Amino acid sequence: MGKKTACIAVVLALLVSVFGCSKKTVELDPQMKTNIEEIVKMGVRQEVYTKYGKAPGITVDKIDARDASVNDYYQLVFTATGSYTVVADKDELYTGTFTIDGHWEAHGCGTGECKLTAAKNGLKTLPEQSTLSELEQVIKTEATESTTEPTPSTIYQPLDDYIAANTPSMGRIVEQVYESDVNQDGHLDLCVTVVYGSGIISSAIVVYDVKNDKGYILDERMTCDYEILGADKDLVAVCRTQYGKDAKTYGVLAIEGDNLVFVENEEIGATTPVRNG
């Protein structure tokens, strides 16, 4: 009986050493933490935009990572918590919190389930977006302005095809769609920020000339990230961030030759994004 008990104890000890080890807390190095924060923000941004039709500001408060390299496919798994903010039509600021689960593999990072609390402004809850998405509203607007009503495929599909053909298929989020006459031909173009990557996250800008069925992209992966801050009918305000640095430059989009370019403009700043309309 004593030998049997001893054997069970040894087996239990081995199980604890193997499976317990796989869930031990991991202290993340700065680069890994930055990578995970970026993929968390991508997941939360997609979830908030899908639910409310608005791009959020995101703060990651805490990341708990656990070693999963012994008995799981992943090298580590993590849970991240934090808060998000969205601005409604009348500049009302709504806030909410999130919890998101994810994993890290040899080739990069991924997210699983993302849970959001409802975004609130005091006691008022931000309503979820209507059945028409923002892009569908753009399509509807274009349709009413045209004598021949275009279908969603004639507006959205070429834009989607252009993005797919010009950014790597390693995980991609298309953010809020803006309308602005970037090429100054008298017709509105569709302008979007595209966030893509696996492990290393990049941010590019795509402008699609609906009238002439032509796309442009501003993408400097591993050098600079570009993000649309807002737009009106005449200009698109943009933030450029140097990769691996916190150096930001503000400006606008323009078409020069046959290329989409960033033009510095000191009047554009982080606190003064313009809005569509």
C-alpha atoms as a PDB file:
ATOM      1  CA  MET A   1       0.000   0.000   0.000  1.00  0.00           C
ATOM      2  CA  GLY A   2       2.857   2.328   0.864  1.00  0.00           C
ATOM      3  CA  LYS A   3       4.556   1.691  -2.491  1.00  0.00           C
ATOM      4  CA  LYS A   4       1.298   2.346  -4.385  1.00  0.00           C
ATOM      5  CA  THR A   5       0.785   5.621  -2.547  1.00  0.00           C
ATOM      6  CA  ALA A   6       4.382   6.599  -3.239  1.00  0.00           C
ATOM      7  CA  CYS A   7       3.950   5.870  -6.963  1.00  0.00           C
ATOM      8  CA  ILE A   8       0.770   7.983  -7.147  1.00  0.00           C
ATOM      9  CA  ALA A   9       2.599  10.814  -5.398  1.00  0.00           C
ATOM     10  CA  VAL A  10       5.434  10.656  -7.930  1.00  0.00           C
ATOM     11  CA  VAL A  11       2.981  10.680 -10.866  1.00  0.00           C
ATOM     12  CA  LEU A  12       1.101  13.659  -9.398  1.00  0.00           C
ATOM     13  CA  ALA A  13       4.377  15.502  -8.865  1.00  0.00           C
ATOM     14  CA  LEU A  14       5.365  14.915 -12.492  1.00  0.00           C
ATOM     15  CA  LEU A  15       1.961  16.110 -13.721  1.00  0.00           C
ATOM     16  CA  VAL A  16       2.251  19.267 -11.655  1.00  0.00           C
ATOM     17  CA  SER A  17       5.763  19.910 -12.907  1.00  0.00           C
ATOM     18  CA  VAL A  18       4.706  19.471 -16.556  1.00  0.00           C
ATOM     19  CA  PHE A  19       1.225  20.970 -16.687  1.00  0.00           C
ATOM     20  CA  GLY A  20       1.696  23.495 -13.909  1.00  0.00           C
ATOM     21  CA  CYS A  21       4.806  24.798 -15.641  1.00  0.00           C
ATOM     22  CA  SER A  22       2.832  25.420 -18.814  1.00  0.00           C
ATOM     23  CA  LYS A  23       0.650  27.963 -17.031  1.00  0.00           C
ATOM     24  CA  LYS A  24       3.286  29.866 -15.092  1.00  0.00           C
ATOM     25  CA  THR A  25       3.271  33.646 -15.364  1.00  0.00           C
ATOM     26  CA  VAL A  26       5.650  35.100 -17.953  1.00  0.00           C
ATOM     27  CA  GLU A  27       7.272  38.515 -17.631  1.00  0.00           C
ATOM     28  CA  LEU A  28       7.200  40.083 -21.079  1.00  0.00           C
ATOM     29  CA  ASP A  29      10.182  41.909 -22.524  1.00  0.00           C
ATOM     30  CA  PRO A  30       9.419  45.430 -23.822  1.00  0.00           C
ATOM     31  CA  GLN A  31       9.259  44.439 -27.503  1.00  0.00           C
ATOM     32  CA  MET A  32       6.961  41.475 -26.866  1.00  0.00           C
ATOM     33  CA  LYS A  33       4.734  43.648 -24.688  1.00  0.00           C
ATOM     34  CA  THR A  34       4.531  46.264 -27.444  1.00  0.00           C
ATOM     35  CA  ASN A  35       3.650  43.619 -30.036  1.00  0.00           C
ATOM     36  CA  ILE A  36       0.917  42.149 -27.853  1.00  0.00           C
ATOM     37  CA  GLU A  37      -0.495  45.597 -27.048  1.00  0.00           C
ATOM     38  CA  GLU A  38      -0.765  46.340 -30.771  1.00  0.00           C
ATOM     39  CA  ILE A  39      -2.624  43.097 -31.542  1.00  0.00           C
ATOM     40  CA  VAL A  40      -4.912  43.728 -28.548  1.00  0.00           C
ATOM     41  CA  LYS A  41      -5.721  47.182 -29.877  1.00  0.00           C
ATOM     42  CA  MET A  42      -6.470  45.704 -33.307  1.00  0.00           C
ATOM     43  CA  GLY A  43      -8.914  43.215 -31.766  1.00  0.00           C
ATOM     44  CA  VAL A  44     -10.662  45.801 -29.602  1.00  0.00           C
ATOM     45  CA  ARG A  45     -10.814  48.315 -32.454  1.00  0.00           C
ATOM     46  CA  GLN A  46     -12.507  45.749 -34.691  1.00  0.00           C
ATOM     47  CA  GLU A  47     -14.983  44.768 -31.955  1.00  0.00           C
ATOM     48  CA  VAL A  48     -15.926  48.363 -31.100  1.00  0.00           C
ATOM     49  CA  TYR A  49     -16.197  49.423 -34.731  1.00  0.00           C
ATOM     50  CA  THR A  50     -18.387  46.421 -35.550  1.00  0.00           C
ATOM     51  CA  LYS A  51     -20.698  47.179 -32.613  1.00  0.00           C
ATOM     52  CA  TYR A  52     -20.885  50.968 -32.727  1.00  0.00           C
ATOM     53  CA  GLY A  53     -19.571  51.960 -36.164  1.00  0.00           C
ATOM     54  CA  LYS A  54     -17.000  54.285 -34.583  1.00  0.00           C
ATOM     55  CA  ALA A  55     -13.218  54.112 -34.231  1.00  0.00           C
ATOM     56  CA  PRO A  56     -12.161  53.945 -30.547  1.00  0.00           C
ATOM     57  CA  GLY A  57      -9.295  55.262 -28.513  1.00  0.00           C
ATOM     58  CA  ILE A  58      -7.793  52.346 -26.569  1.00  0.00           C
ATOM     59  CA  THR A  59      -5.783  52.077 -23.358  1.00  0.00           C
ATOM     60  CA  VAL A  60      -4.295  48.705 -22.381  1.00  0.00           C
ATOM     61  CA  ASP A  61      -4.055  48.602 -18.577  1.00  0.00           C
ATOM     62  CA  LYS A  62      -2.740  45.108 -17.915  1.00  0.00           C
ATOM     63  CA  ILE A  63      -1.486  42.013 -19.738  1.00  0.00           C
ATOM     64  CA  ASP A  64      -1.255  38.675 -17.914  1.00  0.00           C
ATOM     65  CA  ALA A  65       0.800  36.217 -19.981  1.00  0.00           C
ATOM     66  CA  ARG A  66       1.270  32.511 -19.216  1.00  0.00           C
ATOM     67  CA  ASP A  67       3.736  29.994 -20.597  1.00  0.00           C
ATOM     68  CA  ALA A  68       1.972  27.557 -22.948  1.00  0.00           C
ATOM     69  CA  SER A  69       4.992  26.020 -24.670  1.00  0.00           C
ATOM     70  CA  VAL A  70       5.007  22.658 -22.878  1.00  0.00           C
ATOM     71  CA  ASN A  71       1.670  21.102 -23.822  1.00  0.00           C
ATOM     72  CA  ASP A  72      -0.043  23.623 -26.136  1.00  0.00           C
ATOM     73  CA  TYR A  73       0.504  24.715 -29.725  1.00  0.00           C
ATOM     74  CA  TYR A  74       1.039  28.305 -28.586  1.00  0.00           C
ATOM     75  CA  GLN A  75       4.224  29.599 -26.978  1.00  0.00           C
ATOM     76  CA  LEU A  76       2.188  31.694 -24.574  1.00  0.00           C
ATOM     77  CA  VAL A  77      -1.390  32.734 -23.939  1.00  0.00           C
ATOM     78  CA  PHE A  78      -2.462  36.061 -22.490  1.00  0.00           C
ATOM     79  CA  THR A  79      -5.391  38.036 -21.128  1.00  0.00           C
ATOM     80  CA  ALA A  80      -5.439  41.812 -21.533  1.00  0.00           C
ATOM     81  CA  THR A  81      -7.716  44.335 -19.873  1.00  0.00           C
ATOM     82  CA  GLY A  82      -8.217  48.035 -20.429  1.00  0.00           C
ATOM     83  CA  SER A  83     -10.618  50.756 -21.513  1.00  0.00           C
ATOM     84  CA  TYR A  84     -11.846  52.310 -24.728  1.00  0.00           C
ATOM     85  CA  THR A  85     -13.418  55.641 -25.662  1.00  0.00           C
ATOM     86  CA  VAL A  86     -15.595  56.737 -28.556  1.00  0.00           C
ATOM     87  CA  VAL A  87     -16.895  60.155 -29.541  1.00  0.00           C
ATOM     88  CA  ALA A  88     -20.526  60.391 -30.630  1.00  0.00           C
ATOM     89  CA  ASP A  89     -22.004  62.809 -33.162  1.00  0.00           C
ATOM     90  CA  LYS A  90     -22.237  65.782 -30.800  1.00  0.00           C
ATOM     91  CA  ASP A  91     -18.743  65.387 -29.363  1.00  0.00           C
ATOM     92  CA  GLU A  92     -20.086  63.360 -26.435  1.00  0.00           C
ATOM     93  CA  LEU A  93     -17.386  61.098 -25.029  1.00  0.00           C
ATOM     94  CA  TYR A  94     -18.399  57.540 -24.136  1.00  0.00           C
ATOM     95  CA  THR A  95     -16.196  55.073 -22.255  1.00  0.00           C
ATOM     96  CA  GLY A  96     -16.211  51.328 -21.709  1.00  0.00           C
ATOM     97  CA  THR A  97     -13.873  48.512 -20.675  1.00  0.00           C
ATOM     98  CA  PHE A  98     -12.645  45.367 -22.391  1.00  0.00           C
ATOM     99  CA  THR A  99     -11.159  41.968 -21.645  1.00  0.00           C
ATOM    100  CA  ILE A 100      -9.521  40.107 -24.505  1.00  0.00           C
ATOM    101  CA  ASP A 101      -7.855  36.692 -24.715  1.00  0.00           C
ATOM    102  CA  GLY A 102      -5.066  35.936 -27.156  1.00  0.00           C
ATOM    103  CA  HIS A 103      -2.030  33.835 -27.958  1.00  0.00           C
ATOM    104  CA  TRP A 104       1.502  34.149 -29.253  1.00  0.00           C
ATOM    105  CA  GLU A 105       2.936  31.708 -31.772  1.00  0.00           C
ATOM    106  CA  ALA A 106       6.284  31.435 -33.481  1.00  0.00           C
ATOM    107  CA  HIS A 107       5.050  33.536 -36.410  1.00  0.00           C
ATOM    108  CA  GLY A 108       3.144  36.192 -34.481  1.00  0.00           C
ATOM    109  CA  CYS A 109       0.148  37.021 -32.360  1.00  0.00           C
ATOM    110  CA  GLY A 110      -3.606  36.475 -32.456  1.00  0.00           C
ATOM    111  CA  THR A 111      -6.710  37.260 -30.446  1.00  0.00           C
ATOM    112  CA  GLY A 112      -9.589  35.114 -29.330  1.00  0.00           C
ATOM    113  CA  GLU A 113     -12.693  36.344 -27.537  1.00  0.00           C
ATOM    114  CA  CYS A 114     -13.101  40.049 -26.796  1.00  0.00           C
ATOM    115  CA  LYS A 115     -15.646  41.132 -24.188  1.00  0.00           C
ATOM    116  CA  LEU A 116     -16.801  44.755 -24.026  1.00  0.00           C
ATOM    117  CA  THR A 117     -18.842  46.590 -21.448  1.00  0.00           C
ATOM    118  CA  ALA A 118     -21.347  48.962 -23.015  1.00  0.00           C
ATOM    119  CA  ALA A 119     -19.899  52.384 -23.722  1.00  0.00           C
ATOM    120  CA  LYS A 120     -21.520  54.994 -21.470  1.00  0.00           C
ATOM    121  CA  ASN A 121     -21.525  58.729 -20.974  1.00  0.00           C
ATOM    122  CA  GLY A 122     -22.659  59.052 -17.370  1.00  0.00           C
ATOM    123  CA  LEU A 123     -25.891  57.060 -17.261  1.00  0.00           C
ATOM    124  CA  LYS A 124     -26.462  57.276 -21.009  1.00  0.00           C
ATOM    125  CA  THR A 125     -25.456  54.216 -23.077  1.00  0.00           C
ATOM    126  CA  LEU A 126     -24.110  54.625 -26.593  1.00  0.00           C
ATOM    127  CA  PRO A 127     -26.568  52.973 -29.005  1.00  0.00           C
ATOM    128  CA  GLU A 128     -25.286  50.199 -31.212  1.00  0.00           C
ATOM    129  CA  GLN A 129     -25.019  51.046 -34.882  1.00  0.00           C
ATOM    130  CA  SER A 130     -28.034  50.703 -37.164  1.00  0.00           C
ATOM    131  CA  THR A 131     -28.489  48.004 -39.757  1.00  0.00           C
ATOM    132  CA  LEU A 132     -26.660  50.218 -42.260  1.00  0.00           C
ATOM    133  CA  SER A 133     -22.918  50.172 -41.720  1.00  0.00           C
ATOM    134  CA  GLU A 134     -20.921  53.339 -42.358  1.00  0.00           C
ATOM    135  CA  LEU A 135     -19.619  51.938 -45.624  1.00  0.00           C
ATOM    136  CA  GLU A 136     -23.161  51.022 -46.719  1.00  0.00           C
ATOM    137  CA  GLN A 137     -24.217  54.595 -45.930  1.00  0.00           C
ATOM    138  CA  VAL A 138     -21.412  55.829 -48.205  1.00  0.00           C
ATOM    139  CA  ILE A 139     -22.687  53.490 -50.917  1.00  0.00           C
ATOM    140  CA  LYS A 140     -26.237  54.777 -50.418  1.00  0.00           C
ATOM    141  CA  THR A 141     -25.034  58.393 -50.667  1.00  0.00           C
ATOM    142  CA  GLU A 142     -23.133  57.667 -53.876  1.00  0.00           C
ATOM    143  CA  ALA A 143     -26.216  55.925 -55.256  1.00  0.00           C
ATOM    144  CA  THR A 144     -28.513  58.899 -54.660  1.00  0.00           C
ATOM    145  CA  GLU A 145     -26.042  61.237 -56.376  1.00  0.00           C
ATOM    146  CA  SER A 146     -25.787  59.070 -59.487  1.00  0.00           C
ATOM    147  CA  THR A 147     -28.348  58.717 -62.286  1.00  0.00           C
ATOM    148  CA  THR A 148     -27.437  55.032 -62.532  1.00  0.00           C
ATOM    149  CA  GLU A 149     -27.705  53.562 -59.065  1.00  0.00           C
ATOM    150  CA  PRO A 150     -24.594  51.502 -58.274  1.00  0.00           C
ATOM    151  CA  THR A 151     -24.835  48.288 -56.288  1.00  0.00           C
ATOM    152  CA  PRO A 152     -22.611  47.671 -53.224  1.00  0.00           C
ATOM    153  CA  SER A 153     -20.300  45.532 -55.361  1.00  0.00           C
ATOM    154  CA  THR A 154     -19.634  48.387 -57.804  1.00  0.00           C
ATOM    155  CA  ILE A 155     -18.504  50.634 -54.924  1.00  0.00           C
ATOM    156  CA  TYR A 156     -17.100  48.411 -52.226  1.00  0.00           C
ATOM    157  CA  GLN A 157     -15.773  45.342 -54.035  1.00  0.00           C
ATOM    158  CA  PRO A 158     -13.135  47.170 -56.134  1.00  0.00           C
ATOM    159  CA  LEU A 159     -11.922  48.947 -52.970  1.00  0.00           C
ATOM    160  CA  ASP A 160     -11.790  45.636 -51.108  1.00  0.00           C
ATOM    161  CA  ASP A 161     -10.007  43.949 -54.027  1.00  0.00           C
ATOM    162  CA  TYR A 162      -7.438  46.744 -54.197  1.00  0.00           C
ATOM    163  CA  ILE A 163      -6.723  46.520 -50.460  1.00  0.00           C
ATOM    164  CA  ALA A 164      -6.395  42.723 -50.658  1.00  0.00           C
ATOM    165  CA  ALA A 165      -4.014  42.943 -53.608  1.00  0.00           C
ATOM    166  CA  ASN A 166      -1.785  45.605 -52.041  1.00  0.00           C
ATOM    167  CA  THR A 167      -1.500  44.531 -48.384  1.00  0.00           C
ATOM    168  CA  PRO A 168      -0.285  41.137 -47.090  1.00  0.00           C
ATOM    169  CA  SER A 169      -2.988  38.648 -46.059  1.00  0.00           C
ATOM    170  CA  MET A 170      -1.646  38.205 -42.503  1.00  0.00           C
ATOM    171  CA  GLY A 171      -4.550  39.743 -40.630  1.00  0.00           C
ATOM    172  CA  ARG A 172      -6.161  42.970 -41.787  1.00  0.00           C
ATOM    173  CA  ILE A 173      -8.566  45.559 -40.379  1.00  0.00           C
ATOM    174  CA  VAL A 174     -10.126  48.265 -42.549  1.00  0.00           C
ATOM    175  CA  GLU A 175     -11.047  51.218 -40.348  1.00  0.00           C
ATOM    176  CA  GLN A 176     -13.584  54.012 -40.782  1.00  0.00           C
ATOM    177  CA  VAL A 177     -14.276  55.095 -44.369  1.00  0.00           C
ATOM    178  CA  TYR A 178     -13.986  58.815 -45.158  1.00  0.00           C
ATOM    179  CA  GLU A 179     -15.001  60.732 -48.273  1.00  0.00           C
ATOM    180  CA  SER A 180     -12.731  63.453 -49.664  1.00  0.00           C
ATOM    181  CA  ASP A 181     -11.685  64.750 -53.071  1.00  0.00           C
ATOM    182  CA  VAL A 182      -8.008  63.815 -52.724  1.00  0.00           C
ATOM    183  CA  ASN A 183      -7.164  63.980 -56.429  1.00  0.00           C
ATOM    184  CA  GLN A 184      -9.141  67.235 -56.835  1.00  0.00           C
ATOM    185  CA  ASP A 185     -11.183  66.079 -59.814  1.00  0.00           C
ATOM    186  CA  GLY A 186     -14.505  67.237 -58.374  1.00  0.00           C
ATOM    187  CA  HIS A 187     -15.587  63.759 -57.247  1.00  0.00           C
ATOM    188  CA  LEU A 188     -15.326  62.257 -53.765  1.00  0.00           C
ATOM    189  CA  ASP A 189     -12.846  59.435 -53.168  1.00  0.00           C
ATOM    190  CA  LEU A 190     -13.037  56.751 -50.459  1.00  0.00           C
ATOM    191  CA  CYS A 191     -10.217  56.994 -47.900  1.00  0.00           C
ATOM    192  CA  VAL A 192      -9.400  54.349 -45.285  1.00  0.00           C
ATOM    193  CA  THR A 193      -6.692  53.393 -42.809  1.00  0.00           C
ATOM    194  CA  VAL A 194      -5.711  49.737 -43.173  1.00  0.00           C
ATOM    195  CA  VAL A 195      -4.032  48.054 -40.196  1.00  0.00           C
ATOM    196  CA  TYR A 196      -2.332  44.748 -41.009  1.00  0.00           C
ATOM    197  CA  GLY A 197       0.302  42.356 -39.758  1.00  0.00           C
ATOM    198  CA  SER A 198       1.087  39.336 -37.625  1.00  0.00           C
ATOM    199  CA  GLY A 199       3.499  40.009 -34.791  1.00  0.00           C
ATOM    200  CA  ILE A 200       4.621  43.304 -36.348  1.00  0.00           C
ATOM    201  CA  ILE A 201       1.664  45.597 -36.986  1.00  0.00           C
ATOM    202  CA  SER A 202       1.686  48.207 -39.748  1.00  0.00           C
ATOM    203  CA  SER A 203      -0.741  50.966 -40.644  1.00  0.00           C
ATOM    204  CA  ALA A 204      -1.232  52.196 -44.221  1.00  0.00           C
ATOM    205  CA  ILE A 205      -3.702  54.460 -46.019  1.00  0.00           C
ATOM    206  CA  VAL A 206      -5.686  53.551 -49.129  1.00  0.00           C
ATOM    207  CA  VAL A 207      -7.506  56.073 -51.313  1.00  0.00           C
ATOM    208  CA  TYR A 208      -9.920  54.721 -53.915  1.00  0.00           C
ATOM    209  CA  ASP A 209     -11.022  56.900 -56.839  1.00  0.00           C
ATOM    210  CA  VAL A 210     -14.540  55.555 -57.442  1.00  0.00           C
ATOM    211  CA  LYS A 211     -15.131  57.732 -60.509  1.00  0.00           C
ATOM    212  CA  ASN A 212     -12.081  56.392 -62.378  1.00  0.00           C
ATOM    213  CA  ASP A 213     -11.928  52.944 -60.689  1.00  0.00           C
ATOM    214  CA  LYS A 214      -8.359  53.504 -59.496  1.00  0.00           C
ATOM    215  CA  GLY A 215      -6.636  52.875 -56.173  1.00  0.00           C
ATOM    216  CA  TYR A 216      -3.685  54.474 -54.396  1.00  0.00           C
ATOM    217  CA  ILE A 217      -1.797  53.301 -51.308  1.00  0.00           C
ATOM    218  CA  LEU A 218       0.558  55.031 -48.881  1.00  0.00           C
ATOM    219  CA  ASP A 219       2.480  52.237 -47.139  1.00  0.00           C
ATOM    220  CA  GLU A 220       5.994  52.289 -45.650  1.00  0.00           C
ATOM    221  CA  ARG A 221       6.041  49.103 -43.583  1.00  0.00           C
ATOM    222  CA  MET A 222       8.871  48.977 -41.016  1.00  0.00           C
ATOM    223  CA  THR A 223       9.628  52.668 -41.693  1.00  0.00           C
ATOM    224  CA  CYS A 224       6.488  54.726 -40.982  1.00  0.00           C
ATOM    225  CA  ASP A 225       2.866  54.128 -40.024  1.00  0.00           C
ATOM    226  CA  TYR A 226       0.108  56.335 -41.447  1.00  0.00           C
ATOM    227  CA  GLU A 227      -3.309  56.913 -39.862  1.00  0.00           C
ATOM    228  CA  ILE A 228      -6.269  59.051 -40.945  1.00  0.00           C
ATOM    229  CA  LEU A 229      -7.344  61.405 -38.154  1.00  0.00           C
ATOM    230  CA  GLY A 230     -10.417  62.682 -39.974  1.00  0.00           C
ATOM    231  CA  ALA A 231     -11.537  64.281 -43.202  1.00  0.00           C
ATOM    232  CA  ASP A 232     -13.817  66.791 -44.839  1.00  0.00           C
ATOM    233  CA  LYS A 233     -14.725  67.189 -48.509  1.00  0.00           C
ATOM    234  CA  ASP A 234     -11.447  68.929 -49.348  1.00  0.00           C
ATOM    235  CA  LEU A 235      -8.694  67.378 -47.216  1.00  0.00           C
ATOM    236  CA  VAL A 236      -7.698  64.308 -45.228  1.00  0.00           C
ATOM    237  CA  ALA A 237      -5.818  64.895 -41.966  1.00  0.00           C
ATOM    238  CA  VAL A 238      -3.096  62.298 -41.344  1.00  0.00           C
ATOM    239  CA  CYS A 239      -0.669  61.324 -38.596  1.00  0.00           C
ATOM    240  CA  ARG A 240       2.690  59.779 -39.574  1.00  0.00           C
ATOM    241  CA  THR A 241       4.602  57.823 -36.910  1.00  0.00           C
ATOM    242  CA  GLN A 242       8.169  56.596 -37.358  1.00  0.00           C
ATOM    243  CA  TYR A 243       8.460  52.860 -36.738  1.00  0.00           C
ATOM    244  CA  GLY A 244       9.848  52.007 -33.314  1.00  0.00           C
ATOM    245  CA  LYS A 245       9.745  55.655 -32.221  1.00  0.00           C
ATOM    246  CA  ASP A 246       7.212  58.047 -30.748  1.00  0.00           C
ATOM    247  CA  ALA A 247       8.016  60.749 -33.310  1.00  0.00           C
ATOM    248  CA  LYS A 248       4.783  61.933 -34.935  1.00  0.00           C
ATOM    249  CA  THR A 249       4.307  64.302 -37.848  1.00  0.00           C
ATOM    250  CA  TYR A 250       0.960  65.683 -39.016  1.00  0.00           C
ATOM    251  CA  GLY A 251      -0.172  66.566 -42.501  1.00  0.00           C
ATOM    252  CA  VAL A 252      -2.592  65.883 -45.349  1.00  0.00           C
ATOM    253  CA  LEU A 253      -2.918  63.547 -48.335  1.00  0.00           C
ATOM    254  CA  ALA A 254      -2.269  64.531 -51.933  1.00  0.00           C
ATOM    255  CA  ILE A 255      -1.836  62.874 -55.338  1.00  0.00           C
ATOM    256  CA  GLU A 256       1.469  63.787 -56.982  1.00  0.00           C
ATOM    257  CA  GLY A 257       2.176  62.277 -60.347  1.00  0.00           C
ATOM    258  CA  ASP A 258       0.497  58.920 -59.960  1.00  0.00           C
ATOM    259  CA  ASN A 259       1.335  58.438 -56.271  1.00  0.00           C
ATOM    260  CA  LEU A 260      -0.457  59.010 -52.981  1.00  0.00           C
ATOM    261  CA  VAL A 261       1.813  61.160 -50.810  1.00  0.00           C
ATOM    262  CA  PHE A 262       1.942  62.686 -47.328  1.00  0.00           C
ATOM    263  CA  VAL A 263       2.360  66.464 -47.203  1.00  0.00           C
ATOM    264  CA  GLU A 264       3.376  67.971 -43.873  1.00  0.00           C
ATOM    265  CA  ASN A 265       1.033  70.653 -42.565  1.00  0.00           C
ATOM    266  CA  GLU A 266       1.792  72.289 -39.232  1.00  0.00           C
ATOM    267  CA  GLU A 267      -1.851  73.348 -38.864  1.00  0.00           C
ATOM    268  CA  ILE A 268      -2.890  69.702 -38.508  1.00  0.00           C
ATOM    269  CA  GLY A 269      -2.365  68.292 -35.003  1.00  0.00           C
ATOM    270  CA  ALA A 270      -3.298  65.363 -32.806  1.00  0.00           C
ATOM    271  CA  THR A 271      -5.936  67.365 -30.942  1.00  0.00           C
ATOM    272  CA  THR A 272      -7.613  68.887 -33.984  1.00  0.00           C
ATOM    273  CA  PRO A 273      -8.780  66.104 -36.301  1.00  0.00           C
ATOM    274  CA  VAL A 274     -11.354  67.161 -38.887  1.00  0.00           C
ATOM    275  CA  ARG A 275     -14.583  65.291 -39.400  1.00  0.00           C
ATOM    276  CA  ASN A 276     -16.432  64.073 -42.457  1.00  0.00           C
ATOM    277  CA  GLY A 277     -19.217  66.406 -43.522  1.00  0.00           C
END
